[in-house]
Amino acid sequence: MTMNSSLERKITELAWRDSTFSALIETDPYRALAQIGVEVPEGVKLDVRRQRRDTLYYVIPPHSGDADKSESVINQMDLWQSAELFVWIMPQKLKVQLLAMRQSYRRNNSNGST
């Protein structure tokens, strides 16, 4: 693992190689992320899933609640690709929070540890 690796890559590699971290990221992702120097912004909910090869995952975006905008669901949740490795589906506000988490990871691991 190099110092310049992404947060997403670090989480994935640890989950693959460290059984303790793997269990923790699924049961208490906040604590698992804190162990690697990630500061999760207040109010951000985490839902970590271990992908299975035999399962198709489908995320249903939230309904706007506005009947006039019910046809524009695509605007409520955006696809966001990260370094050609991970695709996120999230609202704009959470994109900013993810960037903050990445920055805390880089800041807290700039000495090459973890």
Protein backbone atom coordinates (compact mmCIF):
# COMPACT_ATOMS: atom_id res chain seq x y z
CA MET A 1 0.00 0.00 0.00
CA THR A 2 1.50 3.27 -1.06
CA MET A 3 1.04 6.57 0.69
CA ASN A 4 -0.81 7.93 -2.37
CA SER A 5 -3.44 5.19 -2.45
CA SER A 6 -7.06 6.18 -2.41
CA LEU A 7 -9.34 5.80 0.57
CA GLU A 8 -11.54 3.38 -1.33
CA ARG A 9 -8.57 1.21 -2.32
CA LYS A 10 -7.27 1.17 1.26
CA ILE A 11 -10.66 0.07 2.63
CA THR A 12 -10.97 -2.65 -0.01
CA GLU A 13 -7.46 -4.00 0.45
CA LEU A 14 -7.79 -4.05 4.24
CA ALA A 15 -11.14 -5.85 3.98
CA TRP A 16 -9.55 -8.46 1.71
CA ARG A 17 -6.41 -8.99 3.80
CA ASP A 18 -7.29 -8.25 7.43
CA SER A 19 -10.09 -10.39 8.86
CA THR A 20 -10.46 -8.16 11.93
CA PHE A 21 -10.87 -5.02 9.82
CA SER A 22 -13.15 -6.93 7.43
CA ALA A 23 -15.54 -7.84 10.23
CA LEU A 24 -15.38 -4.37 11.77
CA ILE A 25 -16.09 -2.46 8.53
CA GLU A 26 -19.36 -4.38 8.22
CA THR A 27 -20.43 -4.21 11.88
CA ASP A 28 -19.09 -0.78 12.92
CA PRO A 29 -17.87 1.13 9.85
CA TYR A 30 -17.40 4.37 11.84
CA ARG A 31 -14.89 2.72 14.16
CA ALA A 32 -13.19 0.88 11.31
CA LEU A 33 -12.71 4.10 9.36
CA ALA A 34 -11.48 5.94 12.45
CA GLN A 35 -8.77 3.28 12.80
CA ILE A 36 -7.35 4.28 9.42
CA GLY A 37 -7.57 8.02 10.04
CA VAL A 38 -10.90 8.82 8.39
CA GLU A 39 -13.06 11.47 10.00
CA VAL A 40 -16.68 10.79 9.07
CA PRO A 41 -18.60 14.10 8.98
CA GLU A 42 -21.43 14.40 11.49
CA GLY A 43 -24.76 13.26 10.10
CA VAL A 44 -23.28 10.95 7.44
CA LYS A 45 -24.79 7.47 7.58
CA LEU A 46 -22.67 4.57 6.36
CA ASP A 47 -24.01 1.35 4.85
CA VAL A 48 -21.17 -1.02 3.96
CA ARG A 49 -22.02 -4.11 1.93
CA ARG A 50 -19.71 -6.91 0.90
CA GLN A 51 -20.41 -7.43 -2.78
CA ARG A 52 -21.25 -10.96 -3.84
CA ARG A 53 -20.57 -12.34 -7.29
CA ASP A 54 -24.07 -13.84 -7.53
CA THR A 55 -26.01 -10.70 -6.51
CA LEU A 56 -27.22 -7.73 -8.51
CA TYR A 57 -27.49 -4.60 -6.38
CA TYR A 58 -30.07 -1.97 -7.16
CA VAL A 59 -30.31 1.33 -5.31
CA ILE A 60 -33.67 3.07 -5.34
CA PRO A 61 -33.21 6.84 -5.11
CA PRO A 62 -35.34 8.81 -2.65
CA HIS A 63 -38.62 10.22 -3.92
CA SER A 64 -38.66 14.00 -4.14
CA GLY A 65 -42.09 14.27 -2.53
CA ASP A 66 -42.90 16.96 -5.09
CA ALA A 67 -45.48 15.70 -7.60
CA ASP A 68 -44.26 18.22 -10.19
CA LYS A 69 -40.75 16.77 -10.05
CA SER A 70 -41.66 13.07 -9.87
CA GLU A 71 -40.42 12.50 -13.43
CA SER A 72 -36.93 13.89 -12.68
CA VAL A 73 -35.70 11.16 -10.34
CA ILE A 74 -32.32 11.05 -12.09
CA ASN A 75 -31.53 14.49 -10.66
CA GLN A 76 -31.98 13.35 -7.08
CA MET A 77 -29.10 10.89 -7.09
CA ASP A 78 -26.08 11.21 -9.32
CA LEU A 79 -23.60 8.64 -10.54
CA TRP A 80 -20.09 9.64 -9.60
CA GLN A 81 -17.06 7.69 -10.76
CA SER A 82 -13.91 7.72 -8.69
CA ALA A 83 -10.54 6.94 -10.28
CA GLU A 84 -12.16 4.41 -12.62
CA LEU A 85 -12.36 1.97 -9.71
CA PHE A 86 -15.49 2.78 -7.77
CA VAL A 87 -18.88 4.08 -8.81
CA TRP A 88 -20.90 5.87 -6.19
CA ILE A 89 -24.59 6.69 -6.30
CA MET A 90 -25.26 9.58 -3.97
CA PRO A 91 -26.80 13.00 -3.64
CA GLN A 92 -24.60 16.05 -4.18
CA LYS A 93 -24.33 16.83 -0.44
CA LEU A 94 -22.81 13.41 0.26
CA LYS A 95 -20.26 13.89 -2.53
CA VAL A 96 -18.90 16.82 -0.56
CA GLN A 97 -18.86 14.70 2.61
CA LEU A 98 -17.00 11.88 0.83
CA LEU A 99 -14.41 14.39 -0.36
CA ALA A 100 -13.99 15.53 3.26
CA MET A 101 -13.49 11.90 4.35
CA ARG A 102 -10.86 11.39 1.64
CA GLN A 103 -9.09 14.57 2.74
CA SER A 104 -9.04 13.43 6.38
CA TYR A 105 -7.64 10.06 5.29
CA ARG A 106 -4.85 11.71 3.28
CA ARG A 107 -4.12 14.24 6.02
CA ASN A 108 -4.00 11.60 8.77
CA ASN A 109 -1.88 9.19 6.70
CA SER A 110 0.52 11.61 5.05
CA ASN A 111 3.43 10.12 6.98
CA GLY A 112 3.09 6.83 5.07
CA SER A 113 1.65 4.79 7.97
CA THR A 114 -1.30 2.34 7.72
